[in-house]
């Protein structure tokens, strides 16, 4: 197994903050908007260094989306920042009409996504946002896995022409992606070569997939781990190449199974290459209050759940 040792733990939202700091110093067209959550989005340094390029919209997320769309007309590259729940379901109409429909160059950058939001509970633990955003024409949807990749994704989002939904989180997790690992929107990254099962993971589940890979290897099972950081456009070629080699797959995501990464992969398989697939994700339920680790365990999003799913997929392969 390819080793990904880590010496540090950081939250992915801090990776976004680091990316915005760099963009503030290198791209004068980048501006930032926030809905009264500056500290939570880690954009303090950007604001301190570029006060004239920051717009505090207050607790008015729909208005923030409209302002962002307007700023693009003057050539600006706006990053509209808030919590994932507020940047998706609360403002879906504005995102659809003012951003996606008119193909505006707005970047919707959202933190505190998924169950790992923890104690804030079900009302804030949005688990439907990827489904909502990937359904919109023109929308690019990115869900990076650690601090380094979130920084890379932030910088890449600014360079991309068109709407982007960039999702990251609050918990402190291992920083395991090398800083110099290439990042390209729409191009999956193979983290470990394998022959028995393909594991396609996104966001916080990438680290869990790597832990599952080690467990499987210890049991004589060779798992291919692929980091799907871009939900849309999906890297269909990478998915097909891997599944044609291994013959089965698992999808792993901190999101509802309904409408998430797994369903996108299933569409590829049902239309282009039939193969068994197992799903690791939230099974049609809301979350609850608890620590991130407790919730990941209760809702079946840990390494051991990926291991179990991999064995099921392998058992279903045609003999």
Protein backbone atom coordinates (compact mmCIF):
# COMPACT_ATOMS: atom_id res chain seq x y z
CA UNK A 1 0.00 0.00 0.00
CA UNK A 2 1.15 3.53 -0.79
CA UNK A 3 1.83 5.26 2.51
CA UNK A 4 0.45 8.71 3.30
CA UNK A 5 1.99 9.60 6.65
CA UNK A 6 0.94 12.81 8.34
CA UNK A 7 2.64 15.02 10.89
CA UNK A 8 -0.13 17.56 11.34
CA UNK A 9 -3.89 17.85 11.68
CA UNK A 10 -5.83 20.84 10.38
CA UNK A 11 -9.37 21.69 9.40
CA UNK A 12 -10.16 21.93 5.70
CA UNK A 13 -11.73 25.36 6.21
CA UNK A 14 -8.26 26.62 7.17
CA UNK A 15 -7.05 25.32 3.82
CA UNK A 16 -9.67 27.55 2.23
CA UNK A 17 -8.40 30.49 4.29
CA UNK A 18 -4.84 29.81 3.14
CA UNK A 19 -5.99 29.66 -0.47
CA UNK A 20 -7.84 32.94 -0.14
CA UNK A 21 -4.78 34.59 1.41
CA UNK A 22 -2.71 33.53 -1.60
CA UNK A 23 -5.38 34.67 -4.05
CA UNK A 24 -5.55 38.01 -2.28
CA UNK A 25 -1.86 38.50 -2.98
CA UNK A 26 -1.82 37.18 -6.55
CA UNK A 27 -5.19 37.91 -8.18
CA UNK A 28 -6.55 41.45 -7.81
CA UNK A 29 -9.91 40.45 -9.31
CA UNK A 30 -10.75 38.13 -6.42
CA UNK A 31 -13.17 39.58 -3.87
CA UNK A 32 -14.80 37.97 -0.85
CA UNK A 33 -18.27 38.25 0.60
CA UNK A 34 -19.44 36.81 3.91
CA UNK A 35 -22.72 36.36 5.78
CA UNK A 36 -21.49 37.29 9.28
CA UNK A 37 -19.15 34.28 9.59
CA UNK A 38 -15.68 35.68 8.94
CA UNK A 39 -13.97 33.77 11.76
CA UNK A 40 -15.60 30.48 10.85
CA UNK A 41 -14.51 30.77 7.21
CA UNK A 42 -10.90 31.66 8.12
CA UNK A 43 -10.74 34.69 5.82
CA UNK A 44 -9.38 37.13 8.41
CA UNK A 45 -5.99 37.48 6.70
CA UNK A 46 -7.57 38.14 3.29
CA UNK A 47 -9.70 40.89 4.84
CA UNK A 48 -6.81 42.42 6.76
CA UNK A 49 -4.64 42.59 3.64
CA UNK A 50 -7.44 43.55 1.21
CA UNK A 51 -10.14 45.46 3.15
CA UNK A 52 -11.44 47.15 0.00
CA UNK A 53 -12.10 43.72 -1.56
CA UNK A 54 -14.31 42.40 1.22
CA UNK A 55 -18.09 42.84 1.57
CA UNK A 56 -19.85 41.96 4.82
CA UNK A 57 -23.41 41.10 3.87
CA UNK A 58 -24.65 40.20 7.34
CA UNK A 59 -27.16 37.43 7.92
CA UNK A 60 -28.60 37.85 4.45
CA UNK A 61 -27.31 34.97 2.37
CA UNK A 62 -29.73 35.37 -0.52
CA UNK A 63 -28.69 39.00 -0.92
CA UNK A 64 -25.03 37.91 -0.82
CA UNK A 65 -25.60 35.60 -3.80
CA UNK A 66 -27.26 38.38 -5.75
CA UNK A 67 -24.46 40.83 -4.99
CA UNK A 68 -21.91 38.20 -6.03
CA UNK A 69 -23.63 37.71 -9.38
CA UNK A 70 -23.60 41.46 -9.94
CA UNK A 71 -19.90 41.76 -9.14
CA UNK A 72 -19.03 39.34 -11.93
CA UNK A 73 -20.44 41.75 -14.49
CA UNK A 74 -17.59 44.11 -13.64
CA UNK A 75 -15.02 41.36 -14.04
CA UNK A 76 -14.62 40.49 -10.37
CA UNK A 77 -14.25 36.91 -9.13
CA UNK A 78 -16.45 36.78 -6.02
CA UNK A 79 -16.18 34.12 -3.32
CA UNK A 80 -19.47 34.03 -1.42
CA UNK A 81 -18.73 32.38 1.92
CA UNK A 82 -20.99 30.90 4.60
CA UNK A 83 -21.98 27.58 6.20
CA UNK A 84 -22.88 24.80 3.74
CA UNK A 85 -26.50 24.69 4.88
CA UNK A 86 -26.91 28.43 4.29
CA UNK A 87 -25.02 28.38 0.98
CA UNK A 88 -27.13 25.65 -0.57
CA UNK A 89 -30.67 25.00 0.69
CA UNK A 90 -31.30 28.51 2.09
CA UNK A 91 -30.30 30.22 -1.16
CA UNK A 92 -31.06 27.58 -3.78
CA UNK A 93 -33.46 29.79 -5.73
CA UNK A 94 -30.92 32.63 -5.94
CA UNK A 95 -28.11 30.25 -6.90
CA UNK A 96 -30.26 28.69 -9.61
CA UNK A 97 -31.58 31.93 -11.07
CA UNK A 98 -28.78 34.48 -10.56
CA UNK A 99 -25.72 32.22 -10.81
CA UNK A 100 -26.26 28.89 -12.59
CA UNK A 101 -28.91 29.92 -15.11
CA UNK A 102 -26.95 32.98 -16.19
CA UNK A 103 -23.61 31.14 -15.86
CA UNK A 104 -22.05 33.79 -13.62
CA UNK A 105 -18.46 33.41 -12.43
CA UNK A 106 -19.43 33.08 -8.75
CA UNK A 107 -17.63 30.81 -6.30
CA UNK A 108 -19.85 29.59 -3.46
CA UNK A 109 -17.41 28.52 -0.75
CA UNK A 110 -19.04 26.73 2.17
CA UNK A 111 -17.80 25.32 5.46
CA UNK A 112 -19.33 23.22 8.26
CA UNK A 113 -20.73 20.59 5.90
CA UNK A 114 -21.90 17.11 6.83
CA UNK A 115 -22.12 15.13 10.06
CA UNK A 116 -18.67 16.25 11.16
CA UNK A 117 -20.19 19.61 12.06
CA UNK A 118 -20.95 17.65 15.22
CA UNK A 119 -22.71 19.21 18.15
CA UNK A 120 -24.53 21.86 16.09
CA UNK A 121 -27.00 19.14 15.16
CA UNK A 122 -29.28 18.13 12.32
CA UNK A 123 -30.48 21.60 11.32
CA UNK A 124 -26.95 22.63 10.35
CA UNK A 125 -25.52 19.28 9.24
CA UNK A 126 -26.47 19.62 5.61
CA UNK A 127 -26.27 16.25 3.85
CA UNK A 128 -28.12 17.11 0.65
CA UNK A 129 -26.06 19.97 -0.75
CA UNK A 130 -23.96 18.02 -3.26
CA UNK A 131 -27.13 16.55 -4.77
CA UNK A 132 -28.72 19.98 -5.05
CA UNK A 133 -25.70 21.64 -6.60
CA UNK A 134 -24.72 18.90 -9.04
CA UNK A 135 -28.26 19.01 -10.46
CA UNK A 136 -27.75 22.60 -11.62
CA UNK A 137 -26.51 23.09 -15.20
CA UNK A 138 -23.20 25.02 -15.43
CA UNK A 139 -22.31 24.28 -11.79
CA UNK A 140 -18.94 22.73 -10.90
CA UNK A 141 -18.98 20.89 -7.55
CA UNK A 142 -15.76 20.31 -5.57
CA UNK A 143 -15.35 18.46 -2.25
CA UNK A 144 -11.64 18.31 -1.27
CA UNK A 145 -10.26 15.92 1.34
CA UNK A 146 -7.71 17.76 3.52
CA UNK A 147 -6.05 21.12 4.22
CA UNK A 148 -3.59 20.99 1.32
CA UNK A 149 -6.14 19.89 -1.23
CA UNK A 150 -8.65 22.51 -0.08
CA UNK A 151 -6.03 25.21 -0.58
CA UNK A 152 -5.33 23.88 -4.08
CA UNK A 153 -9.04 23.64 -4.87
CA UNK A 154 -9.62 27.24 -3.76
CA UNK A 155 -6.91 28.55 -6.07
CA UNK A 156 -8.14 26.35 -8.93
CA UNK A 157 -11.71 27.59 -8.42
CA UNK A 158 -10.61 31.18 -8.99
CA UNK A 159 -8.95 30.20 -12.25
CA UNK A 160 -12.01 28.28 -13.45
CA UNK A 161 -14.48 30.27 -15.53
CA UNK A 162 -18.02 29.63 -14.31
CA UNK A 163 -20.00 28.83 -11.15
CA UNK A 164 -18.32 26.67 -8.49
CA UNK A 165 -19.65 25.12 -5.30
CA UNK A 166 -16.66 24.45 -3.03
CA UNK A 167 -17.42 22.38 0.10
CA UNK A 168 -15.18 21.89 3.15
CA UNK A 169 -15.51 21.30 6.89
CA UNK A 170 -14.82 22.22 10.49
CA UNK A 171 -13.14 19.20 12.17
CA UNK A 172 -9.38 18.89 12.51
CA UNK A 173 -8.24 15.92 10.40
CA UNK A 174 -4.89 14.56 9.14
CA UNK A 175 -3.07 16.54 6.46
CA UNK A 176 -1.94 13.73 4.18
CA UNK A 177 -2.07 15.01 0.60
CA UNK A 178 1.40 16.27 -0.42
CA UNK A 179 1.51 19.98 -1.15
CA UNK A 180 2.97 19.31 -4.59
CA UNK A 181 0.42 16.66 -5.62
CA UNK A 182 -1.18 17.96 -8.85
CA UNK A 183 -4.77 19.16 -8.59
CA UNK A 184 -7.00 19.59 -11.62
CA UNK A 185 -10.74 20.21 -11.50
CA UNK A 186 -12.54 17.16 -12.89
CA UNK A 187 -9.53 14.82 -12.65
CA UNK A 188 -9.63 12.13 -9.96
CA UNK A 189 -6.44 11.15 -8.13
CA UNK A 190 -5.41 7.53 -7.61
CA UNK A 191 -3.91 7.29 -4.14
CA UNK A 192 -3.31 3.54 -4.16
CA UNK A 193 -3.22 0.98 -6.95
CA UNK A 194 -5.26 -2.17 -6.36
CA UNK A 195 -6.74 -5.17 -8.14
CA UNK A 196 -9.65 -6.55 -6.06
CA UNK A 197 -11.96 -3.58 -5.44
CA UNK A 198 -12.14 0.12 -6.32
CA UNK A 199 -12.96 2.54 -3.50
CA UNK A 200 -14.09 5.96 -4.70
CA UNK A 201 -14.08 8.44 -1.83
CA UNK A 202 -14.62 12.16 -1.45
CA UNK A 203 -14.06 14.76 1.27
CA UNK A 204 -13.43 13.50 4.80
CA UNK A 205 -14.06 9.91 3.67
CA UNK A 206 -10.82 9.82 1.67
CA UNK A 207 -8.78 9.44 4.87
CA UNK A 208 -11.17 6.74 6.08
CA UNK A 209 -10.75 4.96 2.74
CA UNK A 210 -6.98 4.94 3.15
CA UNK A 211 -7.38 3.41 6.61
CA UNK A 212 -9.74 0.83 5.14
CA UNK A 213 -7.17 0.06 2.46
CA UNK A 214 -4.60 -0.86 5.12
CA UNK A 215 -7.08 -3.12 6.92
CA UNK A 216 -7.99 -4.85 3.67
CA UNK A 217 -4.35 -5.29 2.72
CA UNK A 218 -3.68 -6.96 6.07
CA UNK A 219 -6.45 -9.40 5.15
CA UNK A 220 -5.01 -10.12 1.70
CA UNK A 221 -7.36 -7.85 -0.26
CA UNK A 222 -5.94 -5.32 -2.74
CA UNK A 223 -7.96 -2.08 -2.82
CA UNK A 224 -7.59 0.75 -5.31
CA UNK A 225 -8.25 4.11 -3.62
CA UNK A 226 -9.36 6.99 -5.81
CA UNK A 227 -9.93 10.49 -4.50
CA UNK A 228 -12.94 11.99 -6.27
CA UNK A 229 -12.47 15.61 -5.24
CA UNK A 230 -14.65 16.87 -8.07
CA UNK A 231 -18.22 15.59 -7.94
CA UNK A 232 -19.12 17.44 -11.13
CA UNK A 233 -17.72 17.16 -13.74
CA UNK A 234 -17.14 13.55 -12.76
CA UNK A 235 -13.99 11.81 -13.98
CA UNK A 236 -15.81 9.06 -15.86
CA UNK A 237 -12.65 7.77 -17.53
CA UNK A 238 -10.91 7.21 -14.19
CA UNK A 239 -13.94 5.41 -12.76
CA UNK A 240 -14.31 3.10 -15.74
CA UNK A 241 -10.61 2.33 -15.95
CA UNK A 242 -10.50 1.34 -12.30
CA UNK A 243 -13.70 -0.73 -12.22
CA UNK A 244 -12.77 -2.57 -15.41
CA UNK A 245 -9.59 -3.62 -13.63
CA UNK A 246 -11.07 -4.57 -10.24
CA UNK A 247 -14.57 -5.68 -11.25
CA UNK A 248 -16.42 -3.98 -8.38
CA UNK A 249 -16.47 -0.80 -6.33
CA UNK A 250 -17.47 1.11 -3.21
CA UNK A 251 -18.46 4.77 -3.04
CA UNK A 252 -17.81 6.61 0.23
CA UNK A 253 -19.12 10.07 1.10
CA UNK A 254 -20.24 12.25 4.01
CA UNK A 255 -23.55 12.95 2.32
CA UNK A 256 -26.88 11.35 1.67
CA UNK A 257 -26.60 8.25 -0.49
CA UNK A 258 -29.58 9.68 -2.38
CA UNK A 259 -28.22 12.05 -5.00
CA UNK A 260 -24.59 11.95 -3.93
CA UNK A 261 -21.33 10.77 -5.44
CA UNK A 262 -22.43 7.14 -5.26
CA UNK A 263 -25.46 7.74 -7.46
CA UNK A 264 -23.30 9.55 -10.02
CA UNK A 265 -20.97 6.54 -10.14
CA UNK A 266 -23.94 4.16 -10.37
CA UNK A 267 -25.16 6.08 -13.42
CA UNK A 268 -21.79 5.54 -15.07
CA UNK A 269 -21.86 1.83 -14.30
CA UNK A 270 -25.44 1.21 -15.38
CA UNK A 271 -24.91 2.97 -18.70
CA UNK A 272 -21.35 2.01 -19.59
CA UNK A 273 -20.02 -0.96 -17.61
CA UNK A 274 -22.08 -3.17 -15.32
CA UNK A 275 -20.31 -3.99 -12.05
CA UNK A 276 -21.33 -4.48 -8.39
CA UNK A 277 -21.30 -1.34 -6.26
CA UNK A 278 -21.77 -0.81 -2.53
CA UNK A 279 -22.60 2.56 -0.96
CA UNK A 280 -21.10 4.10 2.17
CA UNK A 281 -23.01 7.24 3.06
CA UNK A 282 -25.94 8.51 5.10
CA UNK A 283 -29.00 6.35 4.47
CA UNK A 284 -31.97 8.70 4.02
CA UNK A 285 -31.95 10.24 7.48
CA UNK A 286 -31.07 13.51 9.20
CA UNK A 287 -28.16 13.78 11.59
CA UNK A 288 -28.13 14.62 15.29
CA UNK A 289 -25.94 16.25 17.92
CA UNK A 290 -22.74 14.48 18.93
CA UNK A 291 -19.01 14.58 18.41
CA UNK A 292 -17.84 14.15 14.82
CA UNK A 293 -16.27 10.78 15.56
CA UNK A 294 -19.38 9.51 17.34
CA UNK A 295 -21.59 10.55 14.45
CA UNK A 296 -19.30 9.09 11.78
CA UNK A 297 -19.42 5.78 13.65
CA UNK A 298 -23.17 5.79 14.27
CA UNK A 299 -24.03 6.59 10.66
CA UNK A 300 -21.58 4.08 9.20
CA UNK A 301 -18.94 6.37 7.70
CA UNK A 302 -15.79 4.90 9.27
CA UNK A 303 -12.99 2.79 7.82
CA UNK A 304 -14.54 -0.44 9.12
CA UNK A 305 -17.76 0.34 7.24
CA UNK A 306 -15.79 0.79 4.03
CA UNK A 307 -14.05 -2.54 4.69
CA UNK A 308 -17.40 -4.27 5.12
CA UNK A 309 -18.76 -2.68 1.94
CA UNK A 310 -15.66 -3.70 -0.02
CA UNK A 311 -16.07 -7.33 1.00
CA UNK A 312 -19.73 -7.26 -0.02
CA UNK A 313 -18.85 -5.82 -3.42
CA UNK A 314 -16.17 -8.44 -3.98
CA UNK A 315 -18.58 -11.22 -3.02
CA UNK A 316 -21.03 -9.99 -5.66
CA UNK A 317 -18.54 -10.13 -8.51
CA UNK A 318 -19.40 -12.53 -11.31
CA UNK A 319 -17.55 -15.79 -10.86
